[in-house]
N, C-alpha and C. Protein backbone atom coordinates (compact mmCIF):
# COMPACT_ATOMS: atom_id res chain seq x y z
N MET A 1 184.02 188.32 194.17
CA MET A 1 183.26 187.13 193.86
C MET A 1 184.01 186.29 192.82
N ASN A 2 183.98 184.98 192.97
CA ASN A 2 184.72 184.07 192.10
C ASN A 2 183.79 183.56 190.99
N ASN A 3 184.18 183.84 189.73
CA ASN A 3 183.36 183.44 188.58
C ASN A 3 183.93 182.23 187.85
N LYS A 4 184.94 181.57 188.41
CA LYS A 4 185.55 180.42 187.74
C LYS A 4 184.57 179.26 187.61
N GLY A 5 183.77 179.03 188.61
CA GLY A 5 182.79 177.95 188.56
C GLY A 5 181.73 178.20 187.50
N GLN A 6 181.30 179.44 187.36
CA GLN A 6 180.30 179.78 186.35
C GLN A 6 180.88 179.58 184.94
N ALA A 7 182.09 179.98 184.72
CA ALA A 7 182.73 179.81 183.41
C ALA A 7 182.89 178.34 183.07
N LEU A 8 183.22 177.51 184.07
CA LEU A 8 183.36 176.08 183.84
C LEU A 8 182.02 175.45 183.47
N VAL A 9 180.96 175.82 184.12
CA VAL A 9 179.63 175.29 183.81
C VAL A 9 179.21 175.72 182.40
N GLU A 10 179.45 176.97 182.03
CA GLU A 10 179.11 177.43 180.68
C GLU A 10 179.92 176.68 179.63
N PHE A 11 181.18 176.44 179.91
CA PHE A 11 182.03 175.70 178.98
C PHE A 11 181.52 174.27 178.81
N ILE A 12 181.15 173.63 179.91
CA ILE A 12 180.65 172.25 179.84
C ILE A 12 179.33 172.18 179.07
N ILE A 13 178.53 173.21 179.14
CA ILE A 13 177.26 173.23 178.40
C ILE A 13 177.51 173.45 176.91
N ILE A 14 178.47 174.28 176.55
CA ILE A 14 178.71 174.66 175.15
C ILE A 14 179.56 173.64 174.40
N ILE A 15 180.47 172.94 175.05
CA ILE A 15 181.42 172.06 174.35
C ILE A 15 180.74 170.95 173.53
N PRO A 16 179.65 170.30 173.98
CA PRO A 16 179.02 169.30 173.11
C PRO A 16 178.45 169.88 171.82
N VAL A 17 177.92 171.09 171.90
CA VAL A 17 177.39 171.74 170.71
C VAL A 17 178.54 172.05 169.73
N LEU A 18 179.64 172.52 170.24
CA LEU A 18 180.80 172.80 169.39
C LEU A 18 181.35 171.53 168.74
N ILE A 19 181.36 170.44 169.49
CA ILE A 19 181.84 169.17 168.92
C ILE A 19 180.90 168.69 167.82
N LEU A 20 179.59 168.82 168.01
CA LEU A 20 178.63 168.43 166.96
C LEU A 20 178.79 169.28 165.71
N ILE A 21 179.02 170.57 165.89
CA ILE A 21 179.24 171.44 164.73
C ILE A 21 180.53 171.06 164.01
N LEU A 22 181.58 170.76 164.75
CA LEU A 22 182.84 170.34 164.15
C LEU A 22 182.67 169.04 163.36
N LEU A 23 181.96 168.07 163.93
CA LEU A 23 181.72 166.81 163.22
C LEU A 23 180.89 167.02 161.96
N ALA A 24 179.92 167.92 162.01
CA ALA A 24 179.11 168.22 160.81
C ALA A 24 179.97 168.85 159.72
N ILE A 25 180.87 169.74 160.12
CA ILE A 25 181.78 170.35 159.14
C ILE A 25 182.68 169.29 158.52
N ILE A 26 183.19 168.37 159.31
CA ILE A 26 184.03 167.29 158.80
C ILE A 26 183.24 166.41 157.83
N ASP A 27 181.99 166.08 158.17
CA ASP A 27 181.17 165.26 157.28
C ASP A 27 180.91 165.95 155.95
N TYR A 28 180.56 167.22 155.98
CA TYR A 28 180.32 167.94 154.74
C TYR A 28 181.58 168.03 153.89
N SER A 29 182.72 168.24 154.51
CA SER A 29 183.96 168.29 153.74
C SER A 29 184.30 166.93 153.14
N ARG A 30 184.00 165.85 153.85
CA ARG A 30 184.22 164.51 153.29
C ARG A 30 183.31 164.27 152.09
N ILE A 31 182.06 164.73 152.16
CA ILE A 31 181.14 164.57 151.04
C ILE A 31 181.64 165.35 149.82
N ILE A 32 182.12 166.57 150.05
CA ILE A 32 182.65 167.37 148.94
C ILE A 32 183.89 166.71 148.35
N GLN A 33 184.74 166.13 149.21
CA GLN A 33 185.95 165.46 148.72
C GLN A 33 185.58 164.22 147.90
N VAL A 34 184.63 163.43 148.36
CA VAL A 34 184.21 162.24 147.61
C VAL A 34 183.61 162.64 146.27
N ARG A 35 182.82 163.70 146.26
CA ARG A 35 182.23 164.17 145.00
C ARG A 35 183.33 164.60 144.03
N SER A 36 184.33 165.30 144.52
CA SER A 36 185.44 165.73 143.68
C SER A 36 186.20 164.53 143.12
N ASN A 37 186.44 163.53 143.97
CA ASN A 37 187.11 162.31 143.51
C ASN A 37 186.29 161.59 142.45
N LEU A 38 184.97 161.53 142.64
CA LEU A 38 184.11 160.87 141.65
C LEU A 38 184.12 161.63 140.33
N GLU A 39 184.21 162.96 140.39
CA GLU A 39 184.30 163.75 139.16
C GLU A 39 185.57 163.38 138.39
N SER A 40 186.69 163.24 139.10
CA SER A 40 187.94 162.86 138.45
C SER A 40 187.87 161.45 137.89
N ILE A 41 187.29 160.54 138.66
CA ILE A 41 187.18 159.15 138.22
C ILE A 41 186.26 159.06 137.00
N ALA A 42 185.21 159.87 136.97
CA ALA A 42 184.28 159.84 135.83
C ALA A 42 185.00 160.21 134.54
N GLU A 43 185.87 161.20 134.59
CA GLU A 43 186.64 161.57 133.40
C GLU A 43 187.54 160.43 132.95
N GLU A 44 188.17 159.74 133.91
CA GLU A 44 189.06 158.64 133.56
C GLU A 44 188.29 157.44 133.03
N VAL A 45 187.11 157.19 133.56
CA VAL A 45 186.29 156.06 133.10
C VAL A 45 185.85 156.30 131.66
N ILE A 46 185.49 157.53 131.33
CA ILE A 46 185.07 157.84 129.97
C ILE A 46 186.22 157.63 128.99
N ASP A 47 187.42 158.04 129.38
CA ASP A 47 188.58 157.91 128.51
C ASP A 47 189.09 156.47 128.43
N ASP A 48 189.06 155.75 129.53
CA ASP A 48 189.63 154.40 129.60
C ASP A 48 188.57 153.44 130.11
N LYS A 49 188.03 152.62 129.23
CA LYS A 49 186.96 151.68 129.60
C LYS A 49 187.43 150.60 130.57
N ASN A 50 188.71 150.32 130.63
CA ASN A 50 189.25 149.28 131.50
C ASN A 50 189.73 149.84 132.84
N TYR A 51 189.29 151.04 133.17
CA TYR A 51 189.71 151.67 134.44
C TYR A 51 189.17 150.85 135.60
N GLU A 52 190.05 150.55 136.56
CA GLU A 52 189.67 149.71 137.70
C GLU A 52 189.15 150.59 138.84
N LEU A 53 187.88 150.35 139.24
CA LEU A 53 187.24 151.13 140.29
C LEU A 53 187.41 150.47 141.65
N ASP A 54 187.28 151.28 142.71
CA ASP A 54 187.25 150.72 144.05
C ASP A 54 185.98 149.90 144.22
N SER A 55 185.98 149.02 145.19
CA SER A 55 184.84 148.12 145.39
C SER A 55 183.60 148.85 145.89
N ASP A 56 183.77 150.02 146.52
CA ASP A 56 182.62 150.74 147.05
C ASP A 56 182.04 151.77 146.08
N ILE A 57 182.58 151.85 144.87
CA ILE A 57 182.06 152.75 143.84
C ILE A 57 181.29 151.92 142.82
N THR A 58 180.05 152.33 142.55
CA THR A 58 179.26 151.65 141.52
C THR A 58 179.13 152.57 140.32
N ILE A 59 179.09 151.95 139.14
CA ILE A 59 178.96 152.71 137.91
C ILE A 59 177.86 152.08 137.07
N ASN A 60 176.99 152.93 136.54
CA ASN A 60 175.95 152.49 135.62
C ASN A 60 176.13 153.25 134.32
N GLU A 61 176.02 152.52 133.21
CA GLU A 61 176.14 153.15 131.90
C GLU A 61 174.79 153.01 131.21
N VAL A 62 174.22 154.14 130.79
CA VAL A 62 172.92 154.16 130.13
C VAL A 62 173.10 154.79 128.76
N THR A 63 172.67 154.07 127.72
CA THR A 63 172.78 154.57 126.36
C THR A 63 171.38 154.90 125.84
N THR A 64 171.23 156.14 125.36
CA THR A 64 169.97 156.56 124.75
C THR A 64 170.28 157.13 123.38
N ASP A 65 169.37 157.84 122.79
CA ASP A 65 169.52 158.36 121.43
C ASP A 65 170.76 159.25 121.28
N GLY A 66 171.83 158.65 120.80
CA GLY A 66 173.03 159.41 120.48
C GLY A 66 173.84 159.89 121.67
N GLU A 67 173.54 159.45 122.86
CA GLU A 67 174.36 159.86 124.00
C GLU A 67 174.46 158.72 125.01
N ARG A 68 175.58 158.73 125.70
CA ARG A 68 175.84 157.72 126.72
C ARG A 68 176.01 158.43 128.05
N SER A 69 175.30 157.97 129.07
CA SER A 69 175.37 158.58 130.40
C SER A 69 176.06 157.62 131.36
N TYR A 70 176.95 158.17 132.16
CA TYR A 70 177.65 157.41 133.19
C TYR A 70 177.23 157.95 134.56
N TYR A 71 176.79 157.05 135.43
CA TYR A 71 176.41 157.41 136.79
C TYR A 71 177.37 156.72 137.75
N LEU A 72 178.13 157.49 138.49
CA LEU A 72 179.03 156.94 139.49
C LEU A 72 178.46 157.26 140.86
N ARG A 73 178.40 156.24 141.73
CA ARG A 73 177.83 156.42 143.06
C ARG A 73 178.76 155.85 144.12
N LYS A 74 178.79 156.54 145.24
CA LYS A 74 179.52 156.06 146.40
C LYS A 74 178.78 156.52 147.64
N LYS A 75 178.73 155.69 148.65
CA LYS A 75 178.06 156.05 149.89
C LYS A 75 179.10 156.46 150.93
N VAL A 76 178.82 157.58 151.60
CA VAL A 76 179.73 158.13 152.61
C VAL A 76 179.09 157.93 153.97
N GLU A 77 179.80 157.26 154.84
CA GLU A 77 179.33 157.05 156.22
C GLU A 77 179.54 158.34 157.01
N LEU A 78 178.48 158.83 157.67
CA LEU A 78 178.56 160.08 158.41
C LEU A 78 179.02 159.83 159.84
N TYR A 79 179.82 160.78 160.38
CA TYR A 79 180.31 160.69 161.74
C TYR A 79 179.39 161.37 162.73
N SER A 80 178.69 162.41 162.28
CA SER A 80 177.86 163.22 163.19
C SER A 80 176.67 162.42 163.69
N PRO A 81 176.45 162.40 164.99
CA PRO A 81 175.36 161.59 165.53
C PRO A 81 173.97 162.07 165.16
N PHE A 82 173.75 163.37 165.03
CA PHE A 82 172.41 163.88 164.76
C PHE A 82 172.23 164.36 163.33
N LEU A 83 173.27 164.28 162.51
CA LEU A 83 173.16 164.71 161.13
C LEU A 83 172.29 163.76 160.31
N ASN A 84 172.15 162.52 160.77
CA ASN A 84 171.31 161.58 160.04
C ASN A 84 169.83 161.92 160.16
N LEU A 85 169.45 162.85 161.01
CA LEU A 85 168.07 163.33 161.04
C LEU A 85 167.77 164.22 159.83
N VAL A 86 168.79 164.83 159.29
CA VAL A 86 168.65 165.72 158.15
C VAL A 86 169.04 165.01 156.85
N MET A 87 170.05 164.14 156.93
CA MET A 87 170.58 163.46 155.75
C MET A 87 170.54 161.96 155.97
N ASP A 88 170.56 161.21 154.86
CA ASP A 88 170.63 159.75 154.96
C ASP A 88 172.00 159.34 155.46
N ASN A 89 172.03 158.24 156.19
CA ASN A 89 173.31 157.68 156.63
C ASN A 89 173.34 156.22 156.26
N PRO A 90 174.19 155.77 155.37
CA PRO A 90 175.24 156.49 154.66
C PRO A 90 174.67 157.38 153.56
N TYR A 91 175.33 158.51 153.35
CA TYR A 91 174.87 159.50 152.39
C TYR A 91 175.34 159.13 150.99
N PRO A 92 174.41 158.99 150.02
CA PRO A 92 174.82 158.63 148.66
C PRO A 92 175.30 159.86 147.88
N VAL A 93 176.48 159.74 147.31
CA VAL A 93 177.03 160.80 146.46
C VAL A 93 177.01 160.27 145.04
N GLU A 94 176.45 161.07 144.10
CA GLU A 94 176.32 160.62 142.71
C GLU A 94 176.86 161.68 141.77
N VAL A 95 177.55 161.20 140.74
CA VAL A 95 178.07 162.07 139.70
C VAL A 95 177.57 161.53 138.37
N LYS A 96 177.13 162.42 137.49
CA LYS A 96 176.61 162.01 136.18
C LYS A 96 177.47 162.68 135.10
N ARG A 97 177.85 161.90 134.11
CA ARG A 97 178.57 162.40 132.95
C ARG A 97 177.82 161.94 131.71
N VAL A 98 177.59 162.86 130.76
CA VAL A 98 176.92 162.55 129.52
C VAL A 98 177.90 162.76 128.38
N VAL A 99 178.02 161.73 127.51
CA VAL A 99 178.89 161.80 126.35
C VAL A 99 178.00 161.76 125.11
N HIS A 100 178.09 162.82 124.28
CA HIS A 100 177.32 162.85 123.05
C HIS A 100 178.14 162.18 121.95
N GLU A 101 177.50 161.28 121.25
CA GLU A 101 178.23 160.54 120.19
C GLU A 101 177.82 160.99 118.83
């Protein structure tokens, strides 16, 4: 008996699921990379007030009793078609740094 046709049908059924999982992994890794970049940028912004940011990064500075907080935000566009059911698209990534004075 020839099972090549059955294997082809199973492969065609499974491949879209595998592609969606791969895209989700890529999206999560991009979010982690953007967060890591924002962490590095936050350190540089604290040290150098004239640091030039990309146009898609927003920064808010909040001063309260003896401390200054920096909020850096960037939105990441997701590639996965169904991941936006679980997460916002574009997904906002935020980093907070507090400097005690």
